[in-house]
N, C-alpha and C. Protein backbone atom coordinates (compact mmCIF):
# COMPACT_ATOMS: atom_id res chain seq x y z
N MET A 1 0.69 -0.76 0.05
CA MET A 1 0.21 -0.48 -0.33
C MET A 1 0.29 1.44 0.22
N ALA A 2 0.54 2.03 -1.40
CA ALA A 2 1.01 3.26 -1.38
C ALA A 2 0.73 4.04 0.83
N GLU A 3 1.35 5.40 1.24
CA GLU A 3 1.86 6.36 2.11
C GLU A 3 2.50 7.59 1.66
N LEU A 4 2.34 8.38 2.13
CA LEU A 4 2.75 9.64 2.46
C LEU A 4 3.87 10.31 3.37
N GLU A 5 4.84 11.04 2.65
CA GLU A 5 5.76 10.87 4.31
C GLU A 5 5.59 12.64 4.37
N VAL A 6 5.48 12.75 5.64
CA VAL A 6 4.26 14.53 6.43
C VAL A 6 5.58 14.21 7.23
N GLU A 7 5.84 15.71 6.80
CA GLU A 7 6.34 16.59 7.95
C GLU A 7 6.71 17.53 8.26
N ILE A 8 5.80 18.21 9.94
CA ILE A 8 5.38 19.21 9.50
C ILE A 8 6.35 19.63 10.85
N VAL A 9 6.42 20.96 10.65
CA VAL A 9 7.27 22.13 11.58
C VAL A 9 6.92 23.17 11.47
N ALA A 10 7.45 24.31 12.39
CA ALA A 10 7.08 24.89 12.86
C ALA A 10 8.15 26.85 12.47
N ALA A 11 7.87 27.69 12.62
CA ALA A 11 8.89 28.52 12.35
C ALA A 11 10.33 28.19 13.53
N ASP A 12 9.62 27.55 14.64
CA ASP A 12 11.25 27.44 15.41
C ASP A 12 10.78 26.16 15.99
N HIS A 13 10.31 25.43 15.65
CA HIS A 13 10.24 23.94 15.92
C HIS A 13 9.69 23.22 15.76
N PHE A 14 10.40 22.04 16.01
CA PHE A 14 9.30 20.34 14.91
C PHE A 14 8.40 20.32 15.14
N VAL A 15 7.73 19.65 14.74
CA VAL A 15 6.03 19.10 15.50
C VAL A 15 5.68 17.81 15.40
N TRP A 16 6.04 17.20 14.10
CA TRP A 16 5.53 15.61 13.59
C TRP A 16 6.50 15.05 12.58
N SER A 17 6.20 14.19 12.55
CA SER A 17 6.99 13.73 11.52
C SER A 17 6.22 11.96 11.53
N GLY A 18 6.10 11.71 9.70
CA GLY A 18 5.47 9.88 9.19
C GLY A 18 5.22 9.69 8.56
N ALA A 19 5.10 8.65 8.48
CA ALA A 19 4.17 8.45 6.86
C ALA A 19 2.49 8.17 7.50
N ALA A 20 1.70 8.81 6.26
CA ALA A 20 0.48 8.41 6.58
C ALA A 20 -0.69 8.29 5.37
N LYS A 21 -1.41 7.47 5.70
CA LYS A 21 -3.12 7.16 4.14
C LYS A 21 -2.75 8.42 3.63
N MET A 22 -3.49 9.56 4.69
CA MET A 22 -4.27 10.59 4.72
C MET A 22 -4.09 12.00 4.76
N VAL A 23 -3.52 13.19 4.63
CA VAL A 23 -3.15 14.56 5.85
C VAL A 23 -4.37 15.22 4.64
N LYS A 24 -5.52 16.16 5.90
CA LYS A 24 -6.44 16.97 4.95
C LYS A 24 -6.20 18.21 6.13
N ALA A 25 -6.18 19.34 5.24
CA ALA A 25 -6.08 21.29 5.17
C ALA A 25 -6.72 21.80 5.44
N ARG A 26 -6.51 22.65 5.87
CA ARG A 26 -7.13 24.09 5.37
C ARG A 26 -6.54 25.11 5.06
N THR A 27 -7.26 24.68 2.80
CA THR A 27 -5.21 26.22 2.39
C THR A 27 -6.21 27.64 1.96
N SER A 28 -6.03 28.33 1.47
CA SER A 28 -6.60 29.89 1.31
C SER A 28 -7.50 30.14 0.45
N ASP A 29 -7.04 28.51 -0.07
CA ASP A 29 -8.71 28.03 -1.51
C ASP A 29 -9.76 27.49 -1.20
N GLY A 30 -9.32 26.85 0.29
CA GLY A 30 -10.34 25.38 0.49
C GLY A 30 -9.70 24.73 1.30
N GLU A 31 -10.50 23.64 1.82
CA GLU A 31 -10.30 22.56 2.31
C GLU A 31 -9.42 21.15 1.50
N ILE A 32 -8.82 20.63 1.45
CA ILE A 32 -8.12 20.23 1.22
C ILE A 32 -7.93 18.60 1.11
N GLY A 33 -8.03 17.34 0.44
CA GLY A 33 -7.41 16.18 1.60
C GLY A 33 -5.83 16.06 0.21
N ILE A 34 -5.72 14.95 1.30
CA ILE A 34 -3.97 14.10 0.10
C ILE A 34 -3.95 13.14 0.20
N LEU A 35 -4.63 12.41 -0.75
CA LEU A 35 -3.80 11.04 -0.73
C LEU A 35 -2.56 10.92 -1.84
N PRO A 36 -2.12 8.97 -1.49
CA PRO A 36 -1.05 8.91 -2.15
C PRO A 36 -1.24 9.07 -3.64
N GLY A 37 0.02 8.96 -4.25
CA GLY A 37 0.02 9.52 -5.85
C GLY A 37 -0.81 10.76 -6.25
N HIS A 38 -0.82 11.97 -4.78
CA HIS A 38 -1.68 13.18 -5.54
C HIS A 38 -0.79 14.41 -6.48
N SER A 39 -1.07 14.47 -7.45
CA SER A 39 0.25 15.69 -7.92
C SER A 39 0.25 16.48 -7.61
N PRO A 40 1.49 17.13 -7.64
CA PRO A 40 2.55 18.26 -7.54
C PRO A 40 1.53 19.91 -6.73
N LEU A 41 1.53 20.34 -5.38
CA LEU A 41 1.01 21.77 -5.08
C LEU A 41 1.17 21.80 -3.89
N LEU A 42 1.51 23.40 -4.39
CA LEU A 42 2.22 23.66 -3.42
C LEU A 42 1.28 25.11 -3.10
N ALA A 43 0.53 25.51 -1.61
CA ALA A 43 -0.19 26.22 -1.21
C ALA A 43 -0.49 26.70 0.01
N ILE A 44 -1.00 27.69 0.58
CA ILE A 44 -0.90 28.63 1.47
C ILE A 44 -2.24 28.37 1.91
N LEU A 45 -1.25 28.26 3.33
CA LEU A 45 -1.83 27.51 4.32
C LEU A 45 -3.08 28.24 5.53
N ALA A 46 -4.50 28.23 5.63
CA ALA A 46 -5.41 28.34 6.84
C ALA A 46 -5.01 28.02 7.84
N GLU A 47 -4.72 29.44 8.55
CA GLU A 47 -5.65 29.05 9.79
C GLU A 47 -6.47 27.83 10.20
N GLY A 48 -6.06 26.73 11.15
CA GLY A 48 -6.65 26.01 11.60
C GLY A 48 -6.59 24.55 11.89
N GLU A 49 -7.46 23.12 11.56
CA GLU A 49 -6.93 22.22 12.62
C GLU A 49 -6.17 21.51 10.90
N LEU A 50 -4.82 21.16 11.11
CA LEU A 50 -4.56 19.50 10.11
C LEU A 50 -4.80 17.97 10.68
N ALA A 51 -6.03 17.76 9.88
CA ALA A 51 -6.05 16.64 10.56
C ALA A 51 -4.90 15.10 9.35
N ILE A 52 -4.43 14.26 10.26
CA ILE A 52 -3.28 13.42 9.41
C ILE A 52 -3.56 12.11 10.43
N GLN A 53 -3.37 10.80 9.57
CA GLN A 53 -4.58 9.66 9.10
C GLN A 53 -3.56 8.71 9.61
N PRO A 54 -2.52 8.66 9.90
CA PRO A 54 -1.54 7.70 9.80
C PRO A 54 -1.48 6.66 9.59
N VAL A 55 0.19 6.02 9.22
CA VAL A 55 -0.08 4.57 8.96
C VAL A 55 -1.18 3.43 9.78
N SER A 56 -0.43 3.23 10.88
CA SER A 56 -0.99 3.13 11.98
C SER A 56 -1.49 3.76 13.14
N GLY A 57 -2.53 3.51 14.26
CA GLY A 57 -2.73 4.32 15.48
C GLY A 57 -4.00 5.23 15.17
N ASP A 58 -4.07 6.44 15.68
CA ASP A 58 -5.14 7.16 15.77
C ASP A 58 -4.61 8.23 15.18
N ARG A 59 -6.20 8.92 14.66
CA ARG A 59 -6.22 10.33 14.02
C ARG A 59 -4.79 11.04 14.69
N ILE A 60 -4.31 12.89 14.08
CA ILE A 60 -3.77 12.96 14.50
C ILE A 60 -3.95 14.59 14.18
N ALA A 61 -4.37 15.19 15.27
CA ALA A 61 -4.84 16.58 15.23
C ALA A 61 -3.57 17.75 14.79
N VAL A 62 -3.20 18.79 14.14
CA VAL A 62 -2.93 19.82 14.57
C VAL A 62 -3.73 20.76 14.27
N VAL A 63 -2.66 22.30 14.98
CA VAL A 63 -3.63 23.16 14.90
C VAL A 63 -3.26 24.59 14.24
N VAL A 64 -2.99 25.15 13.85
CA VAL A 64 -1.98 25.53 12.19
C VAL A 64 -2.38 27.46 12.38
N ASP A 65 -1.90 27.96 12.81
CA ASP A 65 -2.21 29.07 12.12
C ASP A 65 -1.43 30.26 11.32
N GLY A 66 -1.15 28.85 10.41
CA GLY A 66 -0.99 29.65 8.65
C GLY A 66 0.58 29.26 8.01
N GLY A 67 0.67 29.47 6.76
CA GLY A 67 1.98 29.24 6.96
C GLY A 67 1.74 28.17 5.39
N PHE A 68 2.94 27.40 4.33
CA PHE A 68 2.78 26.97 3.25
C PHE A 68 2.74 25.57 2.96
N PHE A 69 1.72 24.49 2.55
CA PHE A 69 1.74 23.64 2.12
C PHE A 69 1.95 22.57 0.50
N SER A 70 2.96 21.96 0.62
CA SER A 70 3.37 20.82 -0.52
C SER A 70 3.10 20.00 -0.15
N VAL A 71 3.12 19.46 -1.59
CA VAL A 71 2.85 18.17 -1.98
C VAL A 71 4.25 17.59 -3.29
N ASP A 72 5.13 16.66 -2.83
CA ASP A 72 5.97 16.20 -4.75
C ASP A 72 6.56 14.67 -4.29
N ASN A 73 5.95 14.10 -5.70
CA ASN A 73 6.56 12.67 -5.24
C ASN A 73 5.72 11.28 -3.27
N ASP A 74 4.86 12.12 -3.47
CA ASP A 74 4.23 11.48 -1.46
C ASP A 74 4.89 12.00 -0.48
N ARG A 75 5.18 13.83 -0.54
CA ARG A 75 6.00 13.64 0.22
C ARG A 75 5.48 14.87 0.25
N VAL A 76 4.64 14.96 1.93
CA VAL A 76 4.06 16.38 2.73
C VAL A 76 4.59 17.64 2.85
N VAL A 77 4.92 17.82 3.12
CA VAL A 77 5.82 19.26 3.40
C VAL A 77 5.24 21.21 4.36
N ILE A 78 4.87 20.61 5.54
CA ILE A 78 3.94 21.84 5.97
C ILE A 78 4.87 22.22 6.96
N VAL A 79 4.53 24.14 6.65
CA VAL A 79 5.64 24.65 7.55
C VAL A 79 4.83 26.11 7.22
N ALA A 80 4.55 25.65 9.37
CA ALA A 80 3.20 26.58 9.93
C ALA A 80 3.99 27.87 10.38
N ASP A 81 3.62 29.32 10.72
CA ASP A 81 3.99 30.42 11.42
C ASP A 81 4.18 29.43 12.84
N ASN A 82 3.00 28.77 13.37
CA ASN A 82 2.73 28.39 14.84
C ASN A 82 2.00 26.97 14.33
N ALA A 83 2.70 26.17 15.67
CA ALA A 83 1.43 24.88 15.80
C ALA A 83 1.44 24.07 16.32
N GLN A 84 0.60 22.89 17.19
CA GLN A 84 0.39 22.31 18.72
C GLN A 84 -1.05 21.37 17.79
N LEU A 85 -0.06 20.68 17.97
CA LEU A 85 -0.53 18.82 18.21
C LEU A 85 -1.36 18.73 19.35
N GLY A 86 -2.70 18.65 18.81
CA GLY A 86 -3.55 17.35 19.89
C GLY A 86 -3.40 17.51 21.46
N ASP A 87 -4.21 17.09 22.38
CA ASP A 87 -4.14 16.96 23.36
C ASP A 87 -3.61 14.97 22.94
N ALA A 88 -4.10 14.05 22.80
CA ALA A 88 -4.31 12.76 22.43
C ALA A 88 -2.47 12.69 21.88
N ALA A 89 -1.99 13.98 21.14
CA ALA A 89 -1.33 13.16 19.83
C ALA A 89 0.22 13.83 20.95
N THR A 90 1.18 12.66 19.88
CA THR A 90 2.52 12.39 20.47
C THR A 90 3.02 12.56 18.98
N ALA A 91 4.65 13.05 19.46
CA ALA A 91 5.74 13.51 18.53
C ALA A 91 5.91 11.96 17.40
N GLY A 92 6.17 12.52 16.34
CA GLY A 92 6.67 11.44 15.62
C GLY A 92 8.06 11.35 15.40
N ILE A 93 8.54 10.51 14.36
CA ILE A 93 9.85 10.29 14.40
C ILE A 93 10.36 11.39 13.60
N ARG A 94 11.50 11.67 13.76
CA ARG A 94 12.33 12.54 13.30
C ARG A 94 13.47 12.63 12.17
């Protein structure tokens, strides 16, 4: 099964990285869902919540204050102005 390689960083700290089945985010153009095989994309990240469905484990929520969102070759990189993991989430592997 194909998977996404996801990395989330804030301006001043590492937030989370790991393998995922899906990533949902709010961009300046609206909400977007990314699955493996998605075409390349560069978008402005809007304030709100990112949802990550890791390959194993529970859904991870990350609250962001804006930034950039890129997708290329099943690699998703999110650079947020500020980002905070939801209560139940734990940091992934860096």
